Amino acid sequence: MHPACPVCQLSFEPEPGFYFGAMFVSYAINTLQFFFAWGLLVYLYPSYTLVHLLTD
């Protein structure tokens, strides 16, 4: 692949830090999903603890 357009010389390579914002958005979305799933499991199984996983 050419590094730039042969006609207008537009660079095809993203700028440094191009994906940096997407990384923070992805982290925020995944964190919210984790806490939602955790809260849902605590609500559905209030007496279930980590001890059950480690001893069974």
N, C-alpha and C. Protein backbone atom coordinates (compact mmCIF):
# COMPACT_ATOMS: atom_id res chain seq x y z
N MET A 1 0.84 -1.17 0.00
CA MET A 1 0.00 0.00 0.00
C MET A 1 0.89 1.24 0.00
N HIS A 2 0.50 2.22 -0.75
CA HIS A 2 1.25 3.46 -0.80
C HIS A 2 1.10 4.24 0.52
N PRO A 3 2.17 4.89 0.98
CA PRO A 3 2.04 5.68 2.21
C PRO A 3 1.20 6.95 2.03
N ALA A 4 1.08 7.43 0.78
CA ALA A 4 0.31 8.64 0.51
C ALA A 4 -0.37 8.51 -0.85
N CYS A 5 -1.41 9.32 -1.06
CA CYS A 5 -2.13 9.34 -2.32
C CYS A 5 -1.21 9.90 -3.41
N PRO A 6 -1.08 9.22 -4.54
CA PRO A 6 -0.20 9.72 -5.60
C PRO A 6 -0.71 11.01 -6.25
N VAL A 7 -1.98 11.32 -6.13
CA VAL A 7 -2.55 12.52 -6.76
C VAL A 7 -2.47 13.73 -5.83
N CYS A 8 -3.00 13.59 -4.60
CA CYS A 8 -3.09 14.75 -3.70
C CYS A 8 -2.11 14.70 -2.54
N GLN A 9 -1.34 13.63 -2.42
CA GLN A 9 -0.34 13.44 -1.36
C GLN A 9 -0.94 13.34 0.05
N LEU A 10 -2.21 12.98 0.15
CA LEU A 10 -2.84 12.77 1.45
C LEU A 10 -2.25 11.51 2.08
N SER A 11 -1.80 11.62 3.32
CA SER A 11 -1.20 10.48 4.01
C SER A 11 -2.28 9.46 4.39
N PHE A 12 -2.01 8.19 4.12
CA PHE A 12 -2.94 7.11 4.48
C PHE A 12 -2.70 6.60 5.90
N GLU A 13 -1.61 7.00 6.52
CA GLU A 13 -1.27 6.53 7.86
C GLU A 13 -1.93 7.43 8.90
N PRO A 14 -2.51 6.83 9.96
CA PRO A 14 -3.14 7.66 10.99
C PRO A 14 -2.08 8.43 11.79
N GLU A 15 -2.50 9.56 12.35
CA GLU A 15 -1.60 10.37 13.15
C GLU A 15 -1.26 9.66 14.44
N PRO A 16 -0.14 9.99 15.08
CA PRO A 16 0.15 9.40 16.39
C PRO A 16 -0.96 9.78 17.39
N GLY A 17 -1.42 8.82 18.14
CA GLY A 17 -2.50 9.05 19.09
C GLY A 17 -3.88 8.99 18.48
N PHE A 18 -3.99 8.53 17.24
CA PHE A 18 -5.28 8.47 16.54
C PHE A 18 -6.27 7.58 17.28
N TYR A 19 -5.80 6.47 17.81
CA TYR A 19 -6.68 5.52 18.49
C TYR A 19 -6.73 5.73 20.00
N PHE A 20 -6.09 6.77 20.50
CA PHE A 20 -6.00 7.01 21.94
C PHE A 20 -7.37 7.29 22.54
N GLY A 21 -8.19 8.11 21.90
CA GLY A 21 -9.53 8.41 22.40
C GLY A 21 -10.42 7.18 22.38
N ALA A 22 -10.30 6.37 21.34
CA ALA A 22 -11.11 5.14 21.25
C ALA A 22 -10.75 4.18 22.38
N MET A 23 -9.49 4.19 22.80
CA MET A 23 -9.07 3.33 23.90
C MET A 23 -9.79 3.73 25.19
N PHE A 24 -9.90 5.02 25.45
CA PHE A 24 -10.58 5.47 26.66
C PHE A 24 -12.08 5.20 26.60
N VAL A 25 -12.69 5.38 25.46
CA VAL A 25 -14.12 5.09 25.31
C VAL A 25 -14.37 3.60 25.50
N SER A 26 -13.54 2.77 24.91
CA SER A 26 -13.67 1.32 25.05
C SER A 26 -13.50 0.90 26.51
N TYR A 27 -12.53 1.49 27.19
CA TYR A 27 -12.31 1.16 28.61
C TYR A 27 -13.53 1.54 29.44
N ALA A 28 -14.10 2.71 29.19
CA ALA A 28 -15.27 3.16 29.93
C ALA A 28 -16.47 2.24 29.69
N ILE A 29 -16.70 1.86 28.45
CA ILE A 29 -17.83 0.98 28.12
C ILE A 29 -17.65 -0.38 28.78
N ASN A 30 -16.46 -0.94 28.72
CA ASN A 30 -16.22 -2.26 29.32
C ASN A 30 -16.31 -2.21 30.84
N THR A 31 -15.88 -1.11 31.45
CA THR A 31 -15.99 -0.96 32.89
C THR A 31 -17.46 -0.90 33.31
N LEU A 32 -18.27 -0.14 32.57
CA LEU A 32 -19.70 -0.07 32.87
C LEU A 32 -20.37 -1.44 32.70
N GLN A 33 -19.99 -2.17 31.67
CA GLN A 33 -20.57 -3.51 31.46
C GLN A 33 -20.20 -4.44 32.60
N PHE A 34 -18.96 -4.36 33.06
CA PHE A 34 -18.52 -5.22 34.17
C PHE A 34 -19.32 -4.93 35.43
N PHE A 35 -19.45 -3.64 35.79
CA PHE A 35 -20.16 -3.30 37.01
C PHE A 35 -21.66 -3.61 36.90
N PHE A 36 -22.23 -3.47 35.72
CA PHE A 36 -23.62 -3.84 35.53
C PHE A 36 -23.81 -5.34 35.73
N ALA A 37 -22.95 -6.15 35.11
CA ALA A 37 -23.04 -7.61 35.25
C ALA A 37 -22.79 -8.03 36.70
N TRP A 38 -21.84 -7.40 37.34
CA TRP A 38 -21.54 -7.71 38.75
C TRP A 38 -22.74 -7.38 39.62
N GLY A 39 -23.32 -6.19 39.43
CA GLY A 39 -24.49 -5.80 40.20
C GLY A 39 -25.67 -6.73 39.97
N LEU A 40 -25.86 -7.14 38.72
CA LEU A 40 -26.95 -8.06 38.38
C LEU A 40 -26.75 -9.41 39.07
N LEU A 41 -25.54 -9.90 39.06
CA LEU A 41 -25.26 -11.19 39.72
C LEU A 41 -25.41 -11.08 41.23
N VAL A 42 -25.00 -9.96 41.82
CA VAL A 42 -25.17 -9.77 43.26
C VAL A 42 -26.65 -9.70 43.60
N TYR A 43 -27.43 -9.08 42.73
CA TYR A 43 -28.87 -8.98 42.95
C TYR A 43 -29.56 -10.34 42.82
N LEU A 44 -29.16 -11.12 41.81
CA LEU A 44 -29.79 -12.41 41.56
C LEU A 44 -29.33 -13.50 42.54
N TYR A 45 -28.07 -13.44 42.95
CA TYR A 45 -27.49 -14.44 43.86
C TYR A 45 -26.84 -13.74 45.06
N PRO A 46 -27.63 -13.21 45.98
CA PRO A 46 -27.05 -12.41 47.07
C PRO A 46 -26.19 -13.21 48.05
N SER A 47 -26.44 -14.50 48.21
CA SER A 47 -25.68 -15.28 49.19
C SER A 47 -24.48 -15.99 48.57
N TYR A 48 -24.24 -15.83 47.28
CA TYR A 48 -23.14 -16.53 46.61
C TYR A 48 -21.84 -15.76 46.83
N THR A 49 -20.81 -16.43 47.30
CA THR A 49 -19.53 -15.77 47.55
C THR A 49 -18.42 -16.48 46.79
N LEU A 50 -17.26 -15.89 46.86
CA LEU A 50 -16.10 -16.47 46.19
C LEU A 50 -15.67 -17.78 46.84
N VAL A 51 -16.00 -17.97 48.08
CA VAL A 51 -15.67 -19.20 48.78
C VAL A 51 -16.30 -20.41 48.09
N HIS A 52 -17.51 -20.25 47.54
CA HIS A 52 -18.17 -21.34 46.83
C HIS A 52 -17.36 -21.76 45.60
N LEU A 53 -16.77 -20.80 44.94
CA LEU A 53 -15.97 -21.14 43.75
C LEU A 53 -14.67 -21.84 44.12
N LEU A 54 -14.07 -21.46 45.23
CA LEU A 54 -12.77 -21.99 45.60
C LEU A 54 -12.85 -23.34 46.31
N THR A 55 -13.99 -23.69 46.90
CA THR A 55 -14.08 -24.93 47.65
C THR A 55 -14.84 -26.03 46.93
N ASP A 56 -15.58 -25.72 45.92
CA ASP A 56 -16.33 -26.77 45.19
C ASP A 56 -15.55 -27.36 44.06
